[in-house]
Structure formats: structure tokens, C-alpha cells
mmCIF file of all heavy atoms, coordinates in Angstrom:
data_MODEL
# 
_entry.id   MODEL 
# 
loop_
_atom_site.group_PDB 
_atom_site.id 
_atom_site.type_symbol 
_atom_site.label_atom_id 
_atom_site.label_alt_id 
_atom_site.label_comp_id 
_atom_site.label_asym_id 
_atom_site.label_entity_id 
_atom_site.label_seq_id 
_atom_site.pdbx_PDB_ins_code 
_atom_site.Cartn_x 
_atom_site.Cartn_y 
_atom_site.Cartn_z 
_atom_site.occupancy 
_atom_site.B_iso_or_equiv 
_atom_site.pdbx_formal_charge 
_atom_site.auth_seq_id 
_atom_site.auth_comp_id 
_atom_site.auth_asym_id 
_atom_site.auth_atom_id 
_atom_site.pdbx_PDB_model_num 
ATOM 1   N N   . LEU A 1 1  ? -6.545  19.302 -22.539 1.00 0.00 ? 1  LEU A N   1 
ATOM 2   C CA  . LEU A 1 1  ? -6.529  19.584 -21.073 1.00 0.00 ? 1  LEU A CA  1 
ATOM 3   C C   . LEU A 1 1  ? -7.944  19.374 -20.376 1.00 0.00 ? 1  LEU A C   1 
ATOM 4   O O   . LEU A 1 1  ? -8.009  18.763 -19.275 1.00 0.00 ? 1  LEU A O   1 
ATOM 5   C CB  . LEU A 1 1  ? -6.083  20.967 -20.764 1.00 0.00 ? 1  LEU A CB  1 
ATOM 6   C CG  . LEU A 1 1  ? -4.579  21.226 -21.128 1.00 0.00 ? 1  LEU A CG  1 
ATOM 7   C CD1 . LEU A 1 1  ? -4.264  22.793 -21.143 1.00 0.00 ? 1  LEU A CD1 1 
ATOM 8   C CD2 . LEU A 1 1  ? -3.754  20.543 -20.126 1.00 0.00 ? 1  LEU A CD2 1 
ATOM 9   N N   . ALA A 1 2  ? -9.012  19.817 -21.042 1.00 0.00 ? 2  ALA A N   1 
ATOM 10  C CA  . ALA A 1 2  ? -10.364 19.615 -20.487 1.00 0.00 ? 2  ALA A CA  1 
ATOM 11  C C   . ALA A 1 2  ? -10.646 18.141 -20.339 1.00 0.00 ? 2  ALA A C   1 
ATOM 12  O O   . ALA A 1 2  ? -11.251 17.690 -19.389 1.00 0.00 ? 2  ALA A O   1 
ATOM 13  C CB  . ALA A 1 2  ? -11.353 20.388 -21.351 1.00 0.00 ? 2  ALA A CB  1 
ATOM 14  N N   . LEU A 1 3  ? -10.341 17.438 -21.461 1.00 0.00 ? 3  LEU A N   1 
ATOM 15  C CA  . LEU A 1 3  ? -10.623 15.918 -21.428 1.00 0.00 ? 3  LEU A CA  1 
ATOM 16  C C   . LEU A 1 3  ? -9.848  15.281 -20.328 1.00 0.00 ? 3  LEU A C   1 
ATOM 17  O O   . LEU A 1 3  ? -10.336 14.353 -19.529 1.00 0.00 ? 3  LEU A O   1 
ATOM 18  C CB  . LEU A 1 3  ? -10.417 15.334 -22.836 1.00 0.00 ? 3  LEU A CB  1 
ATOM 19  C CG  . LEU A 1 3  ? -10.743 13.794 -22.904 1.00 0.00 ? 3  LEU A CG  1 
ATOM 20  C CD1 . LEU A 1 3  ? -12.195 13.696 -22.651 1.00 0.00 ? 3  LEU A CD1 1 
ATOM 21  C CD2 . LEU A 1 3  ? -10.375 13.396 -24.289 1.00 0.00 ? 3  LEU A CD2 1 
ATOM 22  N N   . THR A 1 4  ? -8.597  15.668 -20.227 1.00 0.00 ? 4  THR A N   1 
ATOM 23  C CA  . THR A 1 4  ? -7.676  15.051 -19.253 1.00 0.00 ? 4  THR A CA  1 
ATOM 24  C C   . THR A 1 4  ? -8.176  15.293 -17.815 1.00 0.00 ? 4  THR A C   1 
ATOM 25  O O   . THR A 1 4  ? -8.215  14.433 -16.976 1.00 0.00 ? 4  THR A O   1 
ATOM 26  C CB  . THR A 1 4  ? -6.198  15.562 -19.420 1.00 0.00 ? 4  THR A CB  1 
ATOM 27  O OG1 . THR A 1 4  ? -5.768  15.232 -20.728 1.00 0.00 ? 4  THR A OG1 1 
ATOM 28  C CG2 . THR A 1 4  ? -5.283  14.912 -18.365 1.00 0.00 ? 4  THR A CG2 1 
ATOM 29  N N   . SER A 1 5  ? -8.575  16.566 -17.598 1.00 0.00 ? 5  SER A N   1 
ATOM 30  C CA  . SER A 1 5  ? -9.115  16.857 -16.225 1.00 0.00 ? 5  SER A CA  1 
ATOM 31  C C   . SER A 1 5  ? -10.327 16.118 -15.896 1.00 0.00 ? 5  SER A C   1 
ATOM 32  O O   . SER A 1 5  ? -10.509 15.570 -14.766 1.00 0.00 ? 5  SER A O   1 
ATOM 33  C CB  . SER A 1 5  ? -9.414  18.421 -16.214 1.00 0.00 ? 5  SER A CB  1 
ATOM 34  O OG  . SER A 1 5  ? -10.075 18.742 -15.024 1.00 0.00 ? 5  SER A OG  1 
ATOM 35  N N   . ALA A 1 6  ? -11.201 15.910 -16.842 1.00 0.00 ? 6  ALA A N   1 
ATOM 36  C CA  . ALA A 1 6  ? -12.499 15.120 -16.617 1.00 0.00 ? 6  ALA A CA  1 
ATOM 37  C C   . ALA A 1 6  ? -12.085 13.650 -16.295 1.00 0.00 ? 6  ALA A C   1 
ATOM 38  O O   . ALA A 1 6  ? -12.668 13.098 -15.448 1.00 0.00 ? 6  ALA A O   1 
ATOM 39  C CB  . ALA A 1 6  ? -13.408 15.258 -17.789 1.00 0.00 ? 6  ALA A CB  1 
ATOM 40  N N   . VAL A 1 7  ? -11.176 13.132 -17.056 1.00 0.00 ? 7  VAL A N   1 
ATOM 41  C CA  . VAL A 1 7  ? -10.774 11.635 -16.844 1.00 0.00 ? 7  VAL A CA  1 
ATOM 42  C C   . VAL A 1 7  ? -10.169 11.530 -15.457 1.00 0.00 ? 7  VAL A C   1 
ATOM 43  O O   . VAL A 1 7  ? -10.410 10.537 -14.773 1.00 0.00 ? 7  VAL A O   1 
ATOM 44  C CB  . VAL A 1 7  ? -9.908  11.243 -17.998 1.00 0.00 ? 7  VAL A CB  1 
ATOM 45  C CG1 . VAL A 1 7  ? -9.275  9.896  -17.725 1.00 0.00 ? 7  VAL A CG1 1 
ATOM 46  C CG2 . VAL A 1 7  ? -10.651 11.166 -19.360 1.00 0.00 ? 7  VAL A CG2 1 
ATOM 47  N N   . VAL A 1 8  ? -9.210  12.449 -15.124 1.00 0.00 ? 8  VAL A N   1 
ATOM 48  C CA  . VAL A 1 8  ? -8.525  12.328 -13.842 1.00 0.00 ? 8  VAL A CA  1 
ATOM 49  C C   . VAL A 1 8  ? -9.556  12.447 -12.696 1.00 0.00 ? 8  VAL A C   1 
ATOM 50  O O   . VAL A 1 8  ? -9.512  11.624 -11.760 1.00 0.00 ? 8  VAL A O   1 
ATOM 51  C CB  . VAL A 1 8  ? -7.457  13.506 -13.749 1.00 0.00 ? 8  VAL A CB  1 
ATOM 52  C CG1 . VAL A 1 8  ? -6.903  13.484 -12.291 1.00 0.00 ? 8  VAL A CG1 1 
ATOM 53  C CG2 . VAL A 1 8  ? -6.337  13.224 -14.725 1.00 0.00 ? 8  VAL A CG2 1 
ATOM 54  N N   . MET A 1 9  ? -10.478 13.276 -12.770 1.00 0.00 ? 9  MET A N   1 
ATOM 55  C CA  . MET A 1 9  ? -11.481 13.397 -11.702 1.00 0.00 ? 9  MET A CA  1 
ATOM 56  C C   . MET A 1 9  ? -12.418 12.184 -11.792 1.00 0.00 ? 9  MET A C   1 
ATOM 57  O O   . MET A 1 9  ? -12.795 11.668 -10.654 1.00 0.00 ? 9  MET A O   1 
ATOM 58  C CB  . MET A 1 9  ? -12.302 14.645 -11.924 1.00 0.00 ? 9  MET A CB  1 
ATOM 59  C CG  . MET A 1 9  ? -13.318 14.906 -10.786 1.00 0.00 ? 9  MET A CG  1 
ATOM 60  S SD  . MET A 1 9  ? -12.524 15.189 -9.182  1.00 0.00 ? 9  MET A SD  1 
ATOM 61  C CE  . MET A 1 9  ? -12.183 16.946 -9.395  1.00 0.00 ? 9  MET A CE  1 
ATOM 62  N N   . ALA A 1 10 ? -12.843 11.687 -12.843 1.00 0.00 ? 10 ALA A N   1 
ATOM 63  C CA  . ALA A 1 10 ? -13.777 10.594 -12.973 1.00 0.00 ? 10 ALA A CA  1 
ATOM 64  C C   . ALA A 1 10 ? -13.152 9.300  -12.464 1.00 0.00 ? 10 ALA A C   1 
ATOM 65  O O   . ALA A 1 10 ? -13.867 8.423  -12.034 1.00 0.00 ? 10 ALA A O   1 
ATOM 66  C CB  . ALA A 1 10 ? -14.335 10.492 -14.323 1.00 0.00 ? 10 ALA A CB  1 
ATOM 67  N N   . THR A 1 11 ? -11.855 9.196  -12.579 1.00 0.00 ? 11 THR A N   1 
ATOM 68  C CA  . THR A 1 11 ? -11.254 7.899  -12.162 1.00 0.00 ? 11 THR A CA  1 
ATOM 69  C C   . THR A 1 11 ? -10.590 8.091  -10.740 1.00 0.00 ? 11 THR A C   1 
ATOM 70  O O   . THR A 1 11 ? -9.814  7.244  -10.356 1.00 0.00 ? 11 THR A O   1 
ATOM 71  C CB  . THR A 1 11 ? -10.074 7.614  -13.111 1.00 0.00 ? 11 THR A CB  1 
ATOM 72  O OG1 . THR A 1 11 ? -9.133  8.727  -13.308 1.00 0.00 ? 11 THR A OG1 1 
ATOM 73  C CG2 . THR A 1 11 ? -10.600 7.311  -14.507 1.00 0.00 ? 11 THR A CG2 1 
ATOM 74  N N   . ALA A 1 12 ? -11.024 9.117  -10.038 1.00 0.00 ? 12 ALA A N   1 
ATOM 75  C CA  . ALA A 1 12 ? -10.554 9.307  -8.644  1.00 0.00 ? 12 ALA A CA  1 
ATOM 76  C C   . ALA A 1 12 ? -10.935 8.064  -7.821  1.00 0.00 ? 12 ALA A C   1 
ATOM 77  O O   . ALA A 1 12 ? -12.106 7.712  -7.833  1.00 0.00 ? 12 ALA A O   1 
ATOM 78  C CB  . ALA A 1 12 ? -11.003 10.653 -8.063  1.00 0.00 ? 12 ALA A CB  1 
ATOM 79  N N   . SER A 1 13 ? -10.026 7.463  -7.248  1.00 0.00 ? 13 SER A N   1 
ATOM 80  C CA  . SER A 1 13 ? -10.308 6.262  -6.550  1.00 0.00 ? 13 SER A CA  1 
ATOM 81  C C   . SER A 1 13 ? -11.015 6.523  -5.184  1.00 0.00 ? 13 SER A C   1 
ATOM 82  O O   . SER A 1 13 ? -11.027 7.616  -4.648  1.00 0.00 ? 13 SER A O   1 
ATOM 83  C CB  . SER A 1 13 ? -8.955  5.457  -6.150  1.00 0.00 ? 13 SER A CB  1 
ATOM 84  O OG  . SER A 1 13 ? -8.146  6.332  -5.371  1.00 0.00 ? 13 SER A OG  1 
ATOM 85  N N   . GLU A 1 14 ? -11.642 5.457  -4.650  1.00 0.00 ? 14 GLU A N   1 
ATOM 86  C CA  . GLU A 1 14 ? -12.418 5.597  -3.482  1.00 0.00 ? 14 GLU A CA  1 
ATOM 87  C C   . GLU A 1 14 ? -11.496 5.949  -2.310  1.00 0.00 ? 14 GLU A C   1 
ATOM 88  O O   . GLU A 1 14 ? -10.274 5.494  -2.285  1.00 0.00 ? 14 GLU A O   1 
ATOM 89  C CB  . GLU A 1 14 ? -13.191 4.275  -3.121  1.00 0.00 ? 14 GLU A CB  1 
ATOM 90  C CG  . GLU A 1 14 ? -14.260 3.997  -4.040  1.00 0.00 ? 14 GLU A CG  1 
ATOM 91  C CD  . GLU A 1 14 ? -14.999 2.639  -3.666  1.00 0.00 ? 14 GLU A CD  1 
ATOM 92  O OE1 . GLU A 1 14 ? -14.491 1.978  -2.781  1.00 0.00 ? 14 GLU A OE1 1 
ATOM 93  O OE2 . GLU A 1 14 ? -16.104 2.425  -4.232  1.00 0.00 ? 14 GLU A OE2 1 
ATOM 94  N N   . CYS A 1 15 ? -12.016 6.652  -1.356  1.00 0.00 ? 15 CYS A N   1 
ATOM 95  C CA  . CYS A 1 15 ? -11.236 7.076  -0.213  1.00 0.00 ? 15 CYS A CA  1 
ATOM 96  C C   . CYS A 1 15 ? -11.997 6.653  1.096   1.00 0.00 ? 15 CYS A C   1 
ATOM 97  O O   . CYS A 1 15 ? -13.214 6.883  1.196   1.00 0.00 ? 15 CYS A O   1 
ATOM 98  C CB  . CYS A 1 15 ? -10.998 8.512  -0.249  1.00 0.00 ? 15 CYS A CB  1 
ATOM 99  S SG  . CYS A 1 15 ? -10.309 9.203  1.279   1.00 0.00 ? 15 CYS A SG  1 
ATOM 100 N N   . THR A 1 16 ? -11.296 6.088  2.034   1.00 0.00 ? 16 THR A N   1 
ATOM 101 C CA  . THR A 1 16 ? -11.868 5.700  3.326   1.00 0.00 ? 16 THR A CA  1 
ATOM 102 C C   . THR A 1 16 ? -11.451 6.690  4.323   1.00 0.00 ? 16 THR A C   1 
ATOM 103 O O   . THR A 1 16 ? -10.298 6.784  4.598   1.00 0.00 ? 16 THR A O   1 
ATOM 104 C CB  . THR A 1 16 ? -11.531 4.226  3.684   1.00 0.00 ? 16 THR A CB  1 
ATOM 105 O OG1 . THR A 1 16 ? -11.925 3.335  2.600   1.00 0.00 ? 16 THR A OG1 1 
ATOM 106 C CG2 . THR A 1 16 ? -12.174 3.927  4.920   1.00 0.00 ? 16 THR A CG2 1 
ATOM 107 N N   . ILE A 1 17 ? -12.382 7.388  4.963   1.00 0.00 ? 17 ILE A N   1 
ATOM 108 C CA  . ILE A 1 17 ? -12.153 8.310  5.972   1.00 0.00 ? 17 ILE A CA  1 
ATOM 109 C C   . ILE A 1 17 ? -12.570 7.760  7.285   1.00 0.00 ? 17 ILE A C   1 
ATOM 110 O O   . ILE A 1 17 ? -13.713 7.284  7.481   1.00 0.00 ? 17 ILE A O   1 
ATOM 111 C CB  . ILE A 1 17 ? -12.901 9.651  5.728   1.00 0.00 ? 17 ILE A CB  1 
ATOM 112 C CG1 . ILE A 1 17 ? -12.433 10.231 4.372   1.00 0.00 ? 17 ILE A CG1 1 
ATOM 113 C CG2 . ILE A 1 17 ? -12.655 10.628 6.825   1.00 0.00 ? 17 ILE A CG2 1 
ATOM 114 C CD1 . ILE A 1 17 ? -13.237 11.519 3.912   1.00 0.00 ? 17 ILE A CD1 1 
ATOM 115 N N   . TYR A 1 18 ? -11.693 7.746  8.330   1.00 0.00 ? 18 TYR A N   1 
ATOM 116 C CA  . TYR A 1 18 ? -12.007 7.376  9.574   1.00 0.00 ? 18 TYR A CA  1 
ATOM 117 C C   . TYR A 1 18 ? -12.236 8.533  10.500  1.00 0.00 ? 18 TYR A C   1 
ATOM 118 O O   . TYR A 1 18 ? -11.346 9.352  10.674  1.00 0.00 ? 18 TYR A O   1 
ATOM 119 C CB  . TYR A 1 18 ? -10.885 6.454  10.175  1.00 0.00 ? 18 TYR A CB  1 
ATOM 120 C CG  . TYR A 1 18 ? -10.658 5.186  9.385   1.00 0.00 ? 18 TYR A CG  1 
ATOM 121 C CD1 . TYR A 1 18 ? -9.757  5.093  8.337   1.00 0.00 ? 18 TYR A CD1 1 
ATOM 122 C CD2 . TYR A 1 18 ? -11.411 4.044  9.650   1.00 0.00 ? 18 TYR A CD2 1 
ATOM 123 C CE1 . TYR A 1 18 ? -9.556  3.967  7.598   1.00 0.00 ? 18 TYR A CE1 1 
ATOM 124 C CE2 . TYR A 1 18 ? -11.251 2.910  8.958   1.00 0.00 ? 18 TYR A CE2 1 
ATOM 125 C CZ  . TYR A 1 18 ? -10.369 2.836  7.924   1.00 0.00 ? 18 TYR A CZ  1 
ATOM 126 O OH  . TYR A 1 18 ? -10.161 1.699  7.157   1.00 0.00 ? 18 TYR A OH  1 
ATOM 127 N N   . GLY A 1 19 ? -13.439 8.542  11.180  1.00 0.00 ? 19 GLY A N   1 
ATOM 128 C CA  . GLY A 1 19 ? -13.691 9.722  11.993  1.00 0.00 ? 19 GLY A CA  1 
ATOM 129 C C   . GLY A 1 19 ? -14.207 9.230  13.409  1.00 0.00 ? 19 GLY A C   1 
ATOM 130 O O   . GLY A 1 19 ? -14.720 8.143  13.468  1.00 0.00 ? 19 GLY A O   1 
ATOM 131 N N   . LEU A 1 20 ? -14.107 10.085 14.395  1.00 0.00 ? 20 LEU A N   1 
ATOM 132 C CA  . LEU A 1 20 ? -14.532 9.787  15.760  1.00 0.00 ? 20 LEU A CA  1 
ATOM 133 C C   . LEU A 1 20 ? -15.891 10.425 15.923  1.00 0.00 ? 20 LEU A C   1 
ATOM 134 O O   . LEU A 1 20 ? -16.058 11.601 15.649  1.00 0.00 ? 20 LEU A O   1 
ATOM 135 C CB  . LEU A 1 20 ? -13.557 10.196 16.809  1.00 0.00 ? 20 LEU A CB  1 
ATOM 136 C CG  . LEU A 1 20 ? -12.177 9.502  16.758  1.00 0.00 ? 20 LEU A CG  1 
ATOM 137 C CD1 . LEU A 1 20 ? -11.251 10.148 17.795  1.00 0.00 ? 20 LEU A CD1 1 
ATOM 138 C CD2 . LEU A 1 20 ? -12.329 8.002  17.117  1.00 0.00 ? 20 LEU A CD2 1 
ATOM 139 N N   . HIS A 1 21 ? -16.808 9.730  16.521  1.00 0.00 ? 21 HIS A N   1 
ATOM 140 C CA  . HIS A 1 21 ? -18.112 10.298 16.872  1.00 0.00 ? 21 HIS A CA  1 
ATOM 141 C C   . HIS A 1 21 ? -18.411 10.137 18.322  1.00 0.00 ? 21 HIS A C   1 
ATOM 142 O O   . HIS A 1 21 ? -18.512 9.027  18.801  1.00 0.00 ? 21 HIS A O   1 
ATOM 143 C CB  . HIS A 1 21 ? -19.260 9.600  16.061  1.00 0.00 ? 21 HIS A CB  1 
ATOM 144 C CG  . HIS A 1 21 ? -19.162 9.875  14.595  1.00 0.00 ? 21 HIS A CG  1 
ATOM 145 N ND1 . HIS A 1 21 ? -19.468 11.099 14.052  1.00 0.00 ? 21 HIS A ND1 1 
ATOM 146 C CD2 . HIS A 1 21 ? -18.688 9.153  13.566  1.00 0.00 ? 21 HIS A CD2 1 
ATOM 147 C CE1 . HIS A 1 21 ? -19.193 11.060 12.684  1.00 0.00 ? 21 HIS A CE1 1 
ATOM 148 N NE2 . HIS A 1 21 ? -18.844 9.833  12.401  1.00 0.00 ? 21 HIS A NE2 1 
ATOM 149 N N   . ASP A 1 22 ? -18.468 11.257 19.044  1.00 0.00 ? 22 ASP A N   1 
ATOM 150 C CA  . ASP A 1 22 ? -18.806 11.331 20.449  1.00 0.00 ? 22 ASP A CA  1 
ATOM 151 C C   . ASP A 1 22 ? -17.873 10.395 21.318  1.00 0.00 ? 22 ASP A C   1 
ATOM 152 O O   . ASP A 1 22 ? -18.335 9.683  22.236  1.00 0.00 ? 22 ASP A O   1 
ATOM 153 C CB  . ASP A 1 22 ? -20.258 10.860 20.658  1.00 0.00 ? 22 ASP A CB  1 
ATOM 154 C CG  . ASP A 1 22 ? -21.222 11.831 19.980  1.00 0.00 ? 22 ASP A CG  1 
ATOM 155 O OD1 . ASP A 1 22 ? -20.856 13.048 19.922  1.00 0.00 ? 22 ASP A OD1 1 
ATOM 156 O OD2 . ASP A 1 22 ? -22.362 11.353 19.544  1.00 0.00 ? 22 ASP A OD2 1 
ATOM 157 N N   . GLY A 1 23 ? -16.631 10.356 20.954  1.00 0.00 ? 23 GLY A N   1 
ATOM 158 C CA  . GLY A 1 23 ? -15.629 9.566  21.749  1.00 0.00 ? 23 GLY A CA  1 
ATOM 159 C C   . GLY A 1 23 ? -15.727 8.097  21.469  1.00 0.00 ? 23 GLY A C   1 
ATOM 160 O O   . GLY A 1 23 ? -15.005 7.348  22.124  1.00 0.00 ? 23 GLY A O   1 
ATOM 161 N N   . ALA A 1 24 ? -16.641 7.698  20.543  1.00 0.00 ? 24 ALA A N   1 
ATOM 162 C CA  . ALA A 1 24 ? -16.770 6.222  20.259  1.00 0.00 ? 24 ALA A CA  1 
ATOM 163 C C   . ALA A 1 24 ? -15.547 5.822  19.295  1.00 0.00 ? 24 ALA A C   1 
ATOM 164 O O   . ALA A 1 24 ? -14.744 6.612  18.943  1.00 0.00 ? 24 ALA A O   1 
ATOM 165 C CB  . ALA A 1 24 ? -18.094 5.979  19.660  1.00 0.00 ? 24 ALA A CB  1 
ATOM 166 N N   . ALA A 1 25 ? -15.610 4.558  19.000  1.00 0.00 ? 25 ALA A N   1 
ATOM 167 C CA  . ALA A 1 25 ? -14.557 4.062  18.046  1.00 0.00 ? 25 ALA A CA  1 
ATOM 168 C C   . ALA A 1 25 ? -14.674 4.738  16.647  1.00 0.00 ? 25 ALA A C   1 
ATOM 169 O O   . ALA A 1 25 ? -15.720 5.304  16.349  1.00 0.00 ? 25 ALA A O   1 
ATOM 170 C CB  . ALA A 1 25 ? -14.636 2.582  17.992  1.00 0.00 ? 25 ALA A CB  1 
ATOM 171 N N   . ALA A 1 26 ? -13.543 4.763  15.971  1.00 0.00 ? 26 ALA A N   1 
ATOM 172 C CA  . ALA A 1 26 ? -13.585 5.337  14.667  1.00 0.00 ? 26 ALA A CA  1 
ATOM 173 C C   . ALA A 1 26 ? -14.423 4.575  13.728  1.00 0.00 ? 26 ALA A C   1 
ATOM 174 O O   . ALA A 1 26 ? -14.434 3.420  13.665  1.00 0.00 ? 26 ALA A O   1 
ATOM 175 C CB  . ALA A 1 26 ? -12.143 5.346  14.157  1.00 0.00 ? 26 ALA A CB  1 
ATOM 176 N N   . THR A 1 27 ? -15.266 5.457  12.971  1.00 0.00 ? 27 THR A N   1 
ATOM 177 C CA  . THR A 1 27 ? -16.193 4.795  11.945  1.00 0.00 ? 27 THR A CA  1 
ATOM 178 C C   . THR A 1 27 ? -15.534 5.138  10.555  1.00 0.00 ? 27 THR A C   1 
ATOM 179 O O   . THR A 1 27 ? -15.025 6.182  10.349  1.00 0.00 ? 27 THR A O   1 
ATOM 180 C CB  . THR A 1 27 ? -17.488 5.414  12.038  1.00 0.00 ? 27 THR A CB  1 
ATOM 181 O OG1 . THR A 1 27 ? -17.450 6.825  11.884  1.00 0.00 ? 27 THR A OG1 1 
ATOM 182 C CG2 . THR A 1 27 ? -18.173 5.049  13.427  1.00 0.00 ? 27 THR A CG2 1 
ATOM 183 N N   . ALA A 1 28 ? -15.679 4.125  9.661   1.00 0.00 ? 28 ALA A N   1 
ATOM 184 C CA  . ALA A 1 28 ? -15.159 4.292  8.308   1.00 0.00 ? 28 ALA A CA  1 
ATOM 185 C C   . ALA A 1 28 ? -16.212 4.749  7.401   1.00 0.00 ? 28 ALA A C   1 
ATOM 186 O O   . ALA A 1 28 ? -17.338 4.237  7.436   1.00 0.00 ? 28 ALA A O   1 
ATOM 187 C CB  . ALA A 1 28 ? -14.622 2.963  7.865   1.00 0.00 ? 28 ALA A CB  1 
# 
């Protein structure tokens, strides 16, 4: 279980978050 947990976390894929800053266009 410990090894599986480490592998699952280490292989977490990249995530793109889009956020608004001061009413401007969304930044990735």
C-alpha cells in the first residue's frame, strides 16, 4: 500500500488551472 500510494502520487499528471486576474482574460 505504501509503495502504491507513492507511485500514484508521483505519476499524477500535470493539471492546467485557468484563473481570472483583475477581470482580465483567464491565465493558464
